[in-house]
Amino acid sequence: MKTGIMKMNRFDRIKTPFLVFGLWALLVGISSLRPANAVAEETTARKKPPESTEPNAPEANDAPEQNSDIFELKISTYISINEAYDRIFTPELISEEGLVKYSTLKRKRLDIITAKRELKKLSPAIVMNLSRDERVAFWINTYNFCTIELILRHYPIQPKWYMIIYPDNSIMQITGAWTKAFHKIQRAEYTLQEIEQDFLLKRCKDPRLCFALSNATVGGATLRNEPYRADRLDEQLNDQVKKYLATEKGIRWDKDDNAIFLSNIFQIHKNTFLGSDLATIKKFRHRKDEDRVWLNFIASYLPEEDVRHLEEGEIRIRFIDFDWHLNEAK
């Protein structure tokens, strides 16, 4: 009997803590129970906008004002960029032929630094909310600015022995000018090639852009001595093409040999021309695709006499040797 009592006591000693803990857990569980409507009210309160749950009304009203201040700050960045472009793309610094006074620009460091700084912190949301023409104008100006800024980083350009096939004073002497040199824009880094392709040519499919994007060469697109603007964009692009094709670097005729010499821009950007609406024009259909789109494009800008010459004969298309010299004003 004594043994049994001792065993029972040991069992009770082991069991008692568990019974006490279970009773405590039960009491805590009961006390934490709340009606379903109380839980629903709390959930609803969390989903409401801050002003409906915040007892201090003036603090709740501060949020829109703060958002407005942030928006104004973002817009001011975009405005500052365009103001800097207004001071850079001017007849005083860029000639009608697109030749740049790089030595003078090198001394105008404040405008260059301002544009670089503002581009770096520009909010992508601001650019996304621009109209189509505003975005296109912004990216053309930005591409041309970044090209100028790249030249100024290396100016005066030092020739490299392994780039002997190019002029000493050429953007081609800058290693990776289009694919490895980075420009900080919208809190990210882009190459000139990425700006050109991803933001302009692939999206817009407008071959006229090829004549607006300067690659800092004599043979390339003529750098315009004013910024591109949304309200004049169509006019400016047409003017760019017309003026370029009127020069010796744009088109040359050899009517005796029944040939037309085109700028290498057409060849370099062949896919841009093929991907445009020019491919749907039912004219010059006996020609291969690239010839057809090139001829349809230039026909829009040539005098009627030259267009008739294109239509009447089986004219051969050849290309002008590209002039890689830096577009520098002497």
C-alpha atoms as a PDB file:
ATOM      1  CA  MET A   1       0.000   0.000   0.000  1.00  0.00           C
ATOM      2  CA  LYS A   2       2.746   2.395   0.839  1.00  0.00           C
ATOM      3  CA  THR A   3       4.400   1.645  -2.444  1.00  0.00           C
ATOM      4  CA  GLY A   4       1.165   2.413  -4.304  1.00  0.00           C
ATOM      5  CA  ILE A   5       0.723   5.679  -2.477  1.00  0.00           C
ATOM      6  CA  MET A   6       4.261   6.707  -3.302  1.00  0.00           C
ATOM      7  CA  LYS A   7       3.718   5.906  -6.968  1.00  0.00           C
ATOM      8  CA  MET A   8       0.497   7.869  -7.007  1.00  0.00           C
ATOM      9  CA  ASN A   9       2.201  10.878  -5.485  1.00  0.00           C
ATOM     10  CA  ARG A  10       4.966  10.785  -8.070  1.00  0.00           C
ATOM     11  CA  PHE A  11       2.388  10.621 -10.870  1.00  0.00           C
ATOM     12  CA  ASP A  12       0.481  13.550  -9.393  1.00  0.00           C
ATOM     13  CA  ARG A  13       3.664  15.582  -9.128  1.00  0.00           C
ATOM     14  CA  ILE A  14       4.373  14.983 -12.821  1.00  0.00           C
ATOM     15  CA  LYS A  15       0.794  15.655 -13.958  1.00  0.00           C
ATOM     16  CA  THR A  16       0.083  18.794 -11.917  1.00  0.00           C
ATOM     17  CA  PRO A  17       2.233  21.276 -13.943  1.00  0.00           C
ATOM     18  CA  PHE A  18       0.559  20.185 -17.179  1.00  0.00           C
ATOM     19  CA  LEU A  19      -2.900  20.612 -15.667  1.00  0.00           C
ATOM     20  CA  VAL A  20      -2.020  24.086 -14.394  1.00  0.00           C
ATOM     21  CA  PHE A  21      -0.572  25.126 -17.794  1.00  0.00           C
ATOM     22  CA  GLY A  22      -3.657  23.802 -19.610  1.00  0.00           C
ATOM     23  CA  LEU A  23      -5.986  25.728 -17.303  1.00  0.00           C
ATOM     24  CA  TRP A  24      -3.945  28.927 -17.794  1.00  0.00           C
ATOM     25  CA  ALA A  25      -4.006  28.551 -21.606  1.00  0.00           C
ATOM     26  CA  LEU A  26      -7.770  28.031 -21.538  1.00  0.00           C
ATOM     27  CA  LEU A  27      -8.330  31.197 -19.503  1.00  0.00           C
ATOM     28  CA  VAL A  28      -6.073  33.244 -21.792  1.00  0.00           C
ATOM     29  CA  GLY A  29      -7.874  31.914 -24.863  1.00  0.00           C
ATOM     30  CA  ILE A  30     -11.293  32.816 -23.482  1.00  0.00           C
ATOM     31  CA  SER A  31     -10.210  36.307 -22.503  1.00  0.00           C
ATOM     32  CA  SER A  32      -8.830  36.966 -26.009  1.00  0.00           C
ATOM     33  CA  LEU A  33     -12.028  36.017 -27.800  1.00  0.00           C
ATOM     34  CA  ARG A  34     -13.881  38.960 -29.405  1.00  0.00           C
ATOM     35  CA  PRO A  35     -17.127  39.199 -31.346  1.00  0.00           C
ATOM     36  CA  ALA A  36     -16.809  38.735 -35.125  1.00  0.00           C
ATOM     37  CA  ASN A  37     -18.055  42.250 -35.771  1.00  0.00           C
ATOM     38  CA  ALA A  38     -15.183  43.679 -33.696  1.00  0.00           C
ATOM     39  CA  VAL A  39     -12.629  41.886 -35.918  1.00  0.00           C
ATOM     40  CA  ALA A  40     -14.433  43.079 -39.031  1.00  0.00           C
ATOM     41  CA  GLU A  41     -14.401  46.659 -37.781  1.00  0.00           C
ATOM     42  CA  GLU A  42     -10.635  46.521 -37.196  1.00  0.00           C
ATOM     43  CA  THR A  43     -10.023  45.057 -40.668  1.00  0.00           C
ATOM     44  CA  THR A  44     -12.160  47.745 -42.256  1.00  0.00           C
ATOM     45  CA  ALA A  45     -10.330  50.418 -40.315  1.00  0.00           C
ATOM     46  CA  ARG A  46      -6.948  49.192 -41.660  1.00  0.00           C
ATOM     47  CA  LYS A  47      -8.226  49.377 -45.233  1.00  0.00           C
ATOM     48  CA  LYS A  48      -9.509  52.937 -44.925  1.00  0.00           C
ATOM     49  CA  PRO A  49      -7.369  55.830 -46.129  1.00  0.00           C
ATOM     50  CA  PRO A  50      -5.254  57.460 -43.398  1.00  0.00           C
ATOM     51  CA  GLU A  51      -7.430  60.551 -43.150  1.00  0.00           C
ATOM     52  CA  SER A  52     -10.462  58.488 -42.026  1.00  0.00           C
ATOM     53  CA  THR A  53      -8.660  56.802 -39.117  1.00  0.00           C
ATOM     54  CA  GLU A  54      -6.303  59.565 -38.055  1.00  0.00           C
ATOM     55  CA  PRO A  55      -8.004  61.692 -35.366  1.00  0.00           C
ATOM     56  CA  ASN A  56      -5.750  64.655 -36.116  1.00  0.00           C
ATOM     57  CA  ALA A  57      -7.283  66.083 -39.300  1.00  0.00           C
ATOM     58  CA  PRO A  58      -4.598  68.678 -40.078  1.00  0.00           C
ATOM     59  CA  GLU A  59      -1.895  65.966 -40.171  1.00  0.00           C
ATOM     60  CA  ALA A  60      -4.010  63.885 -42.552  1.00  0.00           C
ATOM     61  CA  ASN A  61      -4.333  66.845 -44.885  1.00  0.00           C
ATOM     62  CA  ASP A  62      -0.556  67.253 -44.989  1.00  0.00           C
ATOM     63  CA  ALA A  63      -0.114  64.190 -47.255  1.00  0.00           C
ATOM     64  CA  PRO A  64      -1.457  65.696 -50.518  1.00  0.00           C
ATOM     65  CA  GLU A  65       0.565  68.839 -49.891  1.00  0.00           C
ATOM     66  CA  GLN A  66       3.743  66.784 -49.428  1.00  0.00           C
ATOM     67  CA  ASN A  67       2.990  64.771 -52.579  1.00  0.00           C
ATOM     68  CA  SER A  68       2.453  68.022 -54.449  1.00  0.00           C
ATOM     69  CA  ASP A  69       5.830  69.296 -53.261  1.00  0.00           C
ATOM     70  CA  ILE A  70       7.532  66.096 -54.434  1.00  0.00           C
ATOM     71  CA  PHE A  71       5.819  66.322 -57.820  1.00  0.00           C
ATOM     72  CA  GLU A  72       6.881  69.954 -58.211  1.00  0.00           C
ATOM     73  CA  LEU A  73      10.453  68.951 -57.376  1.00  0.00           C
ATOM     74  CA  LYS A  74      10.398  66.231 -60.036  1.00  0.00           C
ATOM     75  CA  ILE A  75       8.964  68.593 -62.631  1.00  0.00           C
ATOM     76  CA  SER A  76      11.563  71.230 -61.776  1.00  0.00           C
ATOM     77  CA  THR A  77      14.286  68.673 -62.554  1.00  0.00           C
ATOM     78  CA  TYR A  78      12.818  68.106 -66.023  1.00  0.00           C
ATOM     79  CA  ILE A  79      12.530  71.875 -66.557  1.00  0.00           C
ATOM     80  CA  SER A  80      16.157  72.404 -65.484  1.00  0.00           C
ATOM     81  CA  ILE A  81      17.313  69.837 -68.041  1.00  0.00           C
ATOM     82  CA  ASN A  82      15.481  71.593 -70.856  1.00  0.00           C
ATOM     83  CA  GLU A  83      16.793  74.977 -69.759  1.00  0.00           C
ATOM     84  CA  ALA A  84      20.339  73.592 -69.897  1.00  0.00           C
ATOM     85  CA  TYR A  85      19.644  72.220 -73.394  1.00  0.00           C
ATOM     86  CA  ASP A  86      18.449  75.698 -74.407  1.00  0.00           C
ATOM     87  CA  ARG A  87      21.862  77.074 -73.426  1.00  0.00           C
ATOM     88  CA  ILE A  88      23.854  74.297 -75.117  1.00  0.00           C
ATOM     89  CA  PHE A  89      22.067  73.828 -78.449  1.00  0.00           C
ATOM     90  CA  THR A  90      22.531  77.377 -79.733  1.00  0.00           C
ATOM     91  CA  PRO A  91      23.866  79.028 -82.930  1.00  0.00           C
ATOM     92  CA  GLU A  92      26.675  80.512 -80.817  1.00  0.00           C
ATOM     93  CA  LEU A  93      28.018  77.022 -80.107  1.00  0.00           C
ATOM     94  CA  ILE A  94      26.776  75.004 -83.097  1.00  0.00           C
ATOM     95  CA  SER A  95      26.927  76.173 -86.710  1.00  0.00           C
ATOM     96  CA  GLU A  96      24.229  75.684 -89.352  1.00  0.00           C
ATOM     97  CA  GLU A  97      26.365  72.822 -90.698  1.00  0.00           C
ATOM     98  CA  GLY A  98      26.275  71.123 -87.295  1.00  0.00           C
ATOM     99  CA  LEU A  99      29.892  71.881 -86.387  1.00  0.00           C
ATOM    100  CA  VAL A 100      30.495  72.275 -82.659  1.00  0.00           C
ATOM    101  CA  LYS A 101      32.764  74.643 -80.751  1.00  0.00           C
ATOM    102  CA  TYR A 102      33.973  71.956 -78.357  1.00  0.00           C
ATOM    103  CA  SER A 103      36.730  74.112 -76.874  1.00  0.00           C
ATOM    104  CA  THR A 104      34.138  76.759 -75.921  1.00  0.00           C
ATOM    105  CA  LEU A 105      31.729  74.143 -74.583  1.00  0.00           C
ATOM    106  CA  LYS A 106      34.529  72.702 -72.497  1.00  0.00           C
ATOM    107  CA  ARG A 107      34.671  76.046 -70.700  1.00  0.00           C
ATOM    108  CA  LYS A 108      30.877  76.178 -70.249  1.00  0.00           C
ATOM    109  CA  ARG A 109      31.138  73.502 -67.604  1.00  0.00           C
ATOM    110  CA  LEU A 110      28.241  74.785 -65.505  1.00  0.00           C
ATOM    111  CA  ASP A 111      25.627  74.005 -68.176  1.00  0.00           C
ATOM    112  CA  ILE A 112      27.128  70.569 -68.829  1.00  0.00           C
ATOM    113  CA  ILE A 113      27.325  69.762 -65.109  1.00  0.00           C
ATOM    114  CA  THR A 114      23.759  70.985 -64.544  1.00  0.00           C
ATOM    115  CA  ALA A 115      22.343  68.823 -67.327  1.00  0.00           C
ATOM    116  CA  LYS A 116      24.296  65.768 -66.127  1.00  0.00           C
ATOM    117  CA  ARG A 117      23.184  66.229 -62.519  1.00  0.00           C
ATOM    118  CA  GLU A 118      19.521  66.751 -63.369  1.00  0.00           C
ATOM    119  CA  LEU A 119      19.441  63.826 -65.822  1.00  0.00           C
ATOM    120  CA  LYS A 120      20.830  61.540 -63.143  1.00  0.00           C
ATOM    121  CA  LYS A 121      18.059  62.332 -60.639  1.00  0.00           C
ATOM    122  CA  LEU A 122      15.215  62.663 -63.153  1.00  0.00           C
ATOM    123  CA  SER A 123      12.215  60.532 -62.191  1.00  0.00           C
ATOM    124  CA  PRO A 124      11.200  57.957 -64.860  1.00  0.00           C
ATOM    125  CA  ALA A 125       7.568  58.715 -64.001  1.00  0.00           C
ATOM    126  CA  ILE A 126       7.950  62.268 -65.310  1.00  0.00           C
ATOM    127  CA  VAL A 127       9.175  61.069 -68.716  1.00  0.00           C
ATOM    128  CA  MET A 128       6.526  58.339 -68.898  1.00  0.00           C
ATOM    129  CA  ASN A 129       3.791  60.920 -68.351  1.00  0.00           C
ATOM    130  CA  LEU A 130       4.971  63.144 -71.183  1.00  0.00           C
ATOM    131  CA  SER A 131       3.121  63.154 -74.489  1.00  0.00           C
ATOM    132  CA  ARG A 132       4.558  61.070 -77.318  1.00  0.00           C
ATOM    133  CA  ASP A 133       6.177  64.056 -79.036  1.00  0.00           C
ATOM    134  CA  GLU A 134       7.513  65.414 -75.741  1.00  0.00           C
ATOM    135  CA  ARG A 135       9.189  62.070 -75.015  1.00  0.00           C
ATOM    136  CA  VAL A 136      10.702  61.848 -78.491  1.00  0.00           C
ATOM    137  CA  ALA A 137      12.029  65.412 -78.307  1.00  0.00           C
ATOM    138  CA  PHE A 138      13.442  64.750 -74.841  1.00  0.00           C
ATOM    139  CA  TRP A 139      15.301  61.599 -75.902  1.00  0.00           C
ATOM    140  CA  ILE A 140      16.693  63.157 -79.109  1.00  0.00           C
ATOM    141  CA  ASN A 141      18.030  66.109 -77.123  1.00  0.00           C
ATOM    142  CA  THR A 142      19.374  63.796 -74.433  1.00  0.00           C
ATOM    143  CA  TYR A 143      21.113  61.546 -76.960  1.00  0.00           C
ATOM    144  CA  ASN A 144      22.746  64.537 -78.639  1.00  0.00           C
ATOM    145  CA  PHE A 145      23.742  66.008 -75.282  1.00  0.00           C
ATOM    146  CA  CYS A 146      25.280  62.718 -74.142  1.00  0.00           C
ATOM    147  CA  THR A 147      27.263  62.533 -77.388  1.00  0.00           C
ATOM    148  CA  ILE A 148      28.627  66.043 -76.813  1.00  0.00           C
ATOM    149  CA  GLU A 149      29.378  65.256 -73.163  1.00  0.00           C
ATOM    150  CA  LEU A 150      31.242  62.086 -74.183  1.00  0.00           C
ATOM    151  CA  ILE A 151      33.430  64.079 -76.570  1.00  0.00           C
ATOM    152  CA  LEU A 152      34.140  66.653 -73.846  1.00  0.00           C
ATOM    153  CA  ARG A 153      35.224  63.879 -71.467  1.00  0.00           C
ATOM    154  CA  HIS A 154      38.006  62.977 -73.911  1.00  0.00           C
ATOM    155  CA  TYR A 155      38.646  66.360 -75.504  1.00  0.00           C
ATOM    156  CA  PRO A 156      41.090  66.908 -77.052  1.00  0.00           C
ATOM    157  CA  ILE A 157      40.822  63.379 -78.425  1.00  0.00           C
ATOM    158  CA  GLN A 158      44.009  61.336 -78.282  1.00  0.00           C
ATOM    159  CA  PRO A 159      44.485  58.974 -81.248  1.00  0.00           C
ATOM    160  CA  LYS A 160      45.237  55.295 -80.680  1.00  0.00           C
ATOM    161  CA  TRP A 161      47.729  53.429 -82.837  1.00  0.00           C
ATOM    162  CA  TYR A 162      45.349  50.489 -83.357  1.00  0.00           C
ATOM    163  CA  MET A 163      42.606  52.826 -84.709  1.00  0.00           C
ATOM    164  CA  ILE A 164      44.838  54.004 -87.539  1.00  0.00           C
ATOM    165  CA  ILE A 165      42.116  53.478 -90.152  1.00  0.00           C
ATOM    166  CA  TYR A 166      40.110  56.331 -88.586  1.00  0.00           C
ATOM    167  CA  PRO A 167      41.051  60.031 -88.386  1.00  0.00           C
ATOM    168  CA  ASP A 168      43.044  61.105 -85.335  1.00  0.00           C
ATOM    169  CA  ASN A 169      40.315  63.547 -84.346  1.00  0.00           C
ATOM    170  CA  SER A 170      37.339  61.186 -84.339  1.00  0.00           C
ATOM    171  CA  ILE A 171      34.840  59.690 -81.921  1.00  0.00           C
ATOM    172  CA  MET A 172      36.092  56.320 -83.162  1.00  0.00           C
ATOM    173  CA  GLN A 173      39.272  56.918 -81.144  1.00  0.00           C
ATOM    174  CA  ILE A 174      37.142  56.674 -77.969  1.00  0.00           C
ATOM    175  CA  THR A 175      36.942  53.029 -76.937  1.00  0.00           C
ATOM    176  CA  GLY A 176      33.359  51.770 -76.744  1.00  0.00           C
ATOM    177  CA  ALA A 177      31.862  55.175 -77.470  1.00  0.00           C
ATOM    178  CA  TRP A 178      28.436  53.700 -78.271  1.00  0.00           C
ATOM    179  CA  THR A 179      28.416  50.471 -76.296  1.00  0.00           C
ATOM    180  CA  LYS A 180      30.661  50.845 -73.237  1.00  0.00           C
ATOM    181  CA  ALA A 181      30.540  54.499 -72.192  1.00  0.00           C
ATOM    182  CA  PHE A 182      27.713  54.954 -69.700  1.00  0.00           C
ATOM    183  CA  HIS A 183      25.479  57.965 -69.128  1.00  0.00           C
ATOM    184  CA  LYS A 184      23.514  58.314 -65.892  1.00  0.00           C
ATOM    185  CA  ILE A 185      19.879  59.035 -66.666  1.00  0.00           C
ATOM    186  CA  GLN A 186      16.722  58.406 -64.617  1.00  0.00           C
ATOM    187  CA  ARG A 187      18.745  56.820 -61.798  1.00  0.00           C
ATOM    188  CA  ALA A 188      20.157  54.225 -64.185  1.00  0.00           C
ATOM    189  CA  GLU A 189      22.990  53.925 -66.686  1.00  0.00           C
ATOM    190  CA  TYR A 190      22.571  53.812 -70.465  1.00  0.00           C
ATOM    191  CA  THR A 191      24.875  53.658 -73.454  1.00  0.00           C
ATOM    192  CA  LEU A 192      24.312  55.784 -76.538  1.00  0.00           C
ATOM    193  CA  GLN A 193      23.259  52.667 -78.407  1.00  0.00           C
ATOM    194  CA  GLU A 194      20.621  51.864 -75.779  1.00  0.00           C
ATOM    195  CA  ILE A 195      19.194  55.388 -75.871  1.00  0.00           C
ATOM    196  CA  GLU A 196      19.111  55.362 -79.666  1.00  0.00           C
ATOM    197  CA  GLN A 197      17.556  51.922 -80.059  1.00  0.00           C
ATOM    198  CA  ASP A 198      15.452  51.325 -76.944  1.00  0.00           C
ATOM    199  CA  PHE A 199      13.940  54.777 -76.485  1.00  0.00           C
ATOM    200  CA  LEU A 200      13.762  56.019 -80.072  1.00  0.00           C
ATOM    201  CA  LEU A 201      14.274  53.872 -83.166  1.00  0.00           C
ATOM    202  CA  LYS A 202      12.621  50.651 -81.984  1.00  0.00           C
ATOM    203  CA  ARG A 203       9.697  52.459 -80.387  1.00  0.00           C
ATOM    204  CA  CYS A 204       9.011  55.153 -82.953  1.00  0.00           C
ATOM    205  CA  LYS A 205       9.937  53.318 -86.164  1.00  0.00           C
ATOM    206  CA  ASP A 206      10.507  56.713 -87.785  1.00  0.00           C
ATOM    207  CA  PRO A 207      13.533  56.831 -90.142  1.00  0.00           C
ATOM    208  CA  ARG A 208      13.657  60.627 -89.852  1.00  0.00           C
ATOM    209  CA  LEU A 209      15.141  60.163 -86.395  1.00  0.00           C
ATOM    210  CA  CYS A 210      18.291  58.755 -88.021  1.00  0.00           C
ATOM    211  CA  PHE A 211      18.935  62.259 -89.365  1.00  0.00           C
ATOM    212  CA  ALA A 212      18.391  63.928 -85.982  1.00  0.00           C
ATOM    213  CA  LEU A 213      20.714  61.799 -83.830  1.00  0.00           C
ATOM    214  CA  SER A 214      24.230  63.165 -84.122  1.00  0.00           C
ATOM    215  CA  ASN A 215      27.157  60.779 -83.737  1.00  0.00           C
ATOM    216  CA  ALA A 216      29.652  63.664 -83.590  1.00  0.00           C
ATOM    217  CA  THR A 217      30.982  63.032 -87.092  1.00  0.00           C
ATOM    218  CA  VAL A 218      31.105  65.140 -90.234  1.00  0.00           C
ATOM    219  CA  GLY A 219      29.418  62.396 -92.237  1.00  0.00           C
ATOM    220  CA  GLY A 220      26.640  61.686 -89.757  1.00  0.00           C
ATOM    221  CA  ALA A 221      23.408  63.483 -88.973  1.00  0.00           C
ATOM    222  CA  THR A 222      23.776  67.257 -88.764  1.00  0.00           C
ATOM    223  CA  LEU A 223      23.581  68.424 -85.161  1.00  0.00           C
ATOM    224  CA  ARG A 224      20.767  70.948 -84.910  1.00  0.00           C
ATOM    225  CA  ASN A 225      21.625  74.271 -83.243  1.00  0.00           C
ATOM    226  CA  GLU A 226      18.380  74.374 -81.302  1.00  0.00           C
ATOM    227  CA  PRO A 227      16.674  71.807 -79.063  1.00  0.00           C
ATOM    228  CA  TYR A 228      13.908  69.639 -80.499  1.00  0.00           C
ATOM    229  CA  ARG A 229      10.491  70.665 -79.199  1.00  0.00           C
ATOM    230  CA  ALA A 230       7.214  68.774 -79.074  1.00  0.00           C
ATOM    231  CA  ASP A 231       5.168  71.527 -80.722  1.00  0.00           C
ATOM    232  CA  ARG A 232       7.583  71.696 -83.691  1.00  0.00           C
ATOM    233  CA  LEU A 233       8.896  68.139 -83.786  1.00  0.00           C
ATOM    234  CA  ASP A 234       7.407  67.099 -87.130  1.00  0.00           C
ATOM    235  CA  GLU A 235       8.587  70.304 -88.787  1.00  0.00           C
ATOM    236  CA  GLN A 236      12.081  69.978 -87.292  1.00  0.00           C
ATOM    237  CA  LEU A 237      12.504  66.345 -88.351  1.00  0.00           C
ATOM    238  CA  ASN A 238      11.414  67.051 -91.926  1.00  0.00           C
ATOM    239  CA  ASP A 239      13.749  70.028 -92.039  1.00  0.00           C
ATOM    240  CA  GLN A 240      16.629  67.858 -90.817  1.00  0.00           C
ATOM    241  CA  VAL A 241      16.123  65.282 -93.555  1.00  0.00           C
ATOM    242  CA  LYS A 242      15.611  67.837 -96.320  1.00  0.00           C
ATOM    243  CA  LYS A 243      18.749  69.791 -95.431  1.00  0.00           C
ATOM    244  CA  TYR A 244      20.880  66.684 -95.001  1.00  0.00           C
ATOM    245  CA  LEU A 245      19.847  65.159 -98.329  1.00  0.00           C
ATOM    246  CA  ALA A 246      20.611  68.470-100.041  1.00  0.00           C
ATOM    247  CA  THR A 247      24.286  68.192 -99.046  1.00  0.00           C
ATOM    248  CA  GLU A 248      27.084  66.212-100.663  1.00  0.00           C
ATOM    249  CA  LYS A 249      27.192  63.911 -97.668  1.00  0.00           C
ATOM    250  CA  GLY A 250      23.498  63.033 -98.086  1.00  0.00           C
ATOM    251  CA  ILE A 251      22.958  62.304-101.800  1.00  0.00           C
ATOM    252  CA  ARG A 252      25.173  62.442-104.866  1.00  0.00           C
ATOM    253  CA  TRP A 253      24.045  61.752-108.404  1.00  0.00           C
ATOM    254  CA  ASP A 254      25.899  60.106-111.245  1.00  0.00           C
ATOM    255  CA  LYS A 255      23.272  60.315-113.968  1.00  0.00           C
ATOM    256  CA  ASP A 256      25.745  59.341-116.678  1.00  0.00           C
ATOM    257  CA  ASP A 257      26.263  56.037-114.896  1.00  0.00           C
ATOM    258  CA  ASN A 258      22.590  55.907-113.848  1.00  0.00           C
ATOM    259  CA  ALA A 259      23.573  55.719-110.181  1.00  0.00           C
ATOM    260  CA  ILE A 260      22.683  57.472-106.968  1.00  0.00           C
ATOM    261  CA  PHE A 261      25.063  57.609-104.017  1.00  0.00           C
ATOM    262  CA  LEU A 262      23.421  57.641-100.595  1.00  0.00           C
ATOM    263  CA  SER A 263      24.816  58.396 -97.161  1.00  0.00           C
ATOM    264  CA  ASN A 264      25.890  55.394 -95.137  1.00  0.00           C
ATOM    265  CA  ILE A 265      23.159  56.385 -92.673  1.00  0.00           C
ATOM    266  CA  PHE A 266      20.761  54.467 -94.923  1.00  0.00           C
ATOM    267  CA  GLN A 267      22.873  51.337 -94.740  1.00  0.00           C
ATOM    268  CA  ILE A 268      23.663  51.600 -91.024  1.00  0.00           C
ATOM    269  CA  HIS A 269      19.975  52.005 -90.169  1.00  0.00           C
ATOM    270  CA  LYS A 270      18.601  49.646 -92.794  1.00  0.00           C
ATOM    271  CA  ASN A 271      16.392  47.814 -90.278  1.00  0.00           C
ATOM    272  CA  THR A 272      14.816  51.080 -89.130  1.00  0.00           C
ATOM    273  CA  PHE A 273      13.768  51.843 -92.706  1.00  0.00           C
ATOM    274  CA  LEU A 274      12.530  48.287 -93.302  1.00  0.00           C
ATOM    275  CA  GLY A 275      10.483  48.351 -90.090  1.00  0.00           C
ATOM    276  CA  SER A 276       8.727  51.612 -90.930  1.00  0.00           C
ATOM    277  CA  ASP A 277       5.556  52.387 -92.884  1.00  0.00           C
ATOM    278  CA  LEU A 278       7.744  52.846 -95.968  1.00  0.00           C
ATOM    279  CA  ALA A 279       7.623  49.083 -96.403  1.00  0.00           C
ATOM    280  CA  THR A 280       3.879  49.292 -97.154  1.00  0.00           C
ATOM    281  CA  ILE A 281       4.173  51.821-100.012  1.00  0.00           C
ATOM    282  CA  LYS A 282       3.366  50.156-103.322  1.00  0.00           C
ATOM    283  CA  LYS A 283       6.041  51.843-105.349  1.00  0.00           C
ATOM    284  CA  PHE A 284       9.406  50.598-106.668  1.00  0.00           C
ATOM    285  CA  ARG A 285       8.015  47.117-105.994  1.00  0.00           C
ATOM    286  CA  HIS A 286      10.318  45.495-108.527  1.00  0.00           C
ATOM    287  CA  ARG A 287      13.286  46.463-106.320  1.00  0.00           C
ATOM    288  CA  LYS A 288      14.587  44.477-103.386  1.00  0.00           C
ATOM    289  CA  ASP A 289      13.124  45.478-100.029  1.00  0.00           C
ATOM    290  CA  GLU A 290      15.876  47.780 -98.766  1.00  0.00           C
ATOM    291  CA  ASP A 291      16.180  49.575-102.122  1.00  0.00           C
ATOM    292  CA  ARG A 292      12.423  50.075-102.202  1.00  0.00           C
ATOM    293  CA  VAL A 293      12.176  51.679 -98.752  1.00  0.00           C
ATOM    294  CA  TRP A 294      15.220  53.882 -99.370  1.00  0.00           C
ATOM    295  CA  LEU A 295      13.861  55.133-102.697  1.00  0.00           C
ATOM    296  CA  ASN A 296      10.398  55.750-101.258  1.00  0.00           C
ATOM    297  CA  PHE A 297      11.956  57.725 -98.406  1.00  0.00           C
ATOM    298  CA  ILE A 298      14.147  60.032-100.474  1.00  0.00           C
ATOM    299  CA  ALA A 299      11.379  60.528-103.062  1.00  0.00           C
ATOM    300  CA  SER A 300       9.447  62.461-100.407  1.00  0.00           C
ATOM    301  CA  TYR A 301      12.212  65.063-100.195  1.00  0.00           C
ATOM    302  CA  LEU A 302      13.559  65.336-103.746  1.00  0.00           C
ATOM    303  CA  PRO A 303      12.494  67.753-106.501  1.00  0.00           C
ATOM    304  CA  GLU A 304       9.963  66.309-108.979  1.00  0.00           C
ATOM    305  CA  GLU A 305      12.569  66.066-111.729  1.00  0.00           C
ATOM    306  CA  ASP A 306      14.782  63.851-109.576  1.00  0.00           C
ATOM    307  CA  VAL A 307      11.826  61.704-108.528  1.00  0.00           C
ATOM    308  CA  ARG A 308      10.953  61.102-112.202  1.00  0.00           C
ATOM    309  CA  HIS A 309      14.541  60.048-112.814  1.00  0.00           C
ATOM    310  CA  LEU A 310      14.239  57.528-109.983  1.00  0.00           C
ATOM    311  CA  GLU A 311      10.988  56.151-111.379  1.00  0.00           C
ATOM    312  CA  GLU A 312      11.965  55.926-115.033  1.00  0.00           C
ATOM    313  CA  GLY A 313      15.300  54.151-114.878  1.00  0.00           C
ATOM    314  CA  GLU A 314      16.725  51.114-113.143  1.00  0.00           C
ATOM    315  CA  ILE A 315      18.936  53.339-111.073  1.00  0.00           C
ATOM    316  CA  ARG A 316      21.743  51.732-109.099  1.00  0.00           C
ATOM    317  CA  ILE A 317      22.199  52.540-105.420  1.00  0.00           C
ATOM    318  CA  ARG A 318      25.696  53.026-104.067  1.00  0.00           C
ATOM    319  CA  PHE A 319      27.022  54.508-100.850  1.00  0.00           C
ATOM    320  CA  ILE A 320      29.187  57.496-100.017  1.00  0.00           C
ATOM    321  CA  ASP A 321      32.361  56.862 -98.043  1.00  0.00           C
ATOM    322  CA  PHE A 322      31.575  57.929 -94.491  1.00  0.00           C
ATOM    323  CA  ASP A 323      33.503  60.885 -93.071  1.00  0.00           C
ATOM    324  CA  TRP A 324      34.482  59.954 -89.507  1.00  0.00           C
ATOM    325  CA  HIS A 325      36.156  63.276 -88.679  1.00  0.00           C
ATOM    326  CA  LEU A 326      34.885  64.986 -85.537  1.00  0.00           C
ATOM    327  CA  ASN A 327      32.178  67.566 -86.228  1.00  0.00           C
ATOM    328  CA  GLU A 328      34.310  70.319 -84.761  1.00  0.00           C
ATOM    329  CA  ALA A 329      34.160  73.971 -85.730  1.00  0.00           C
ATOM    330  CA  LYS A 330      37.608  75.342 -86.535  1.00  0.00           C
END
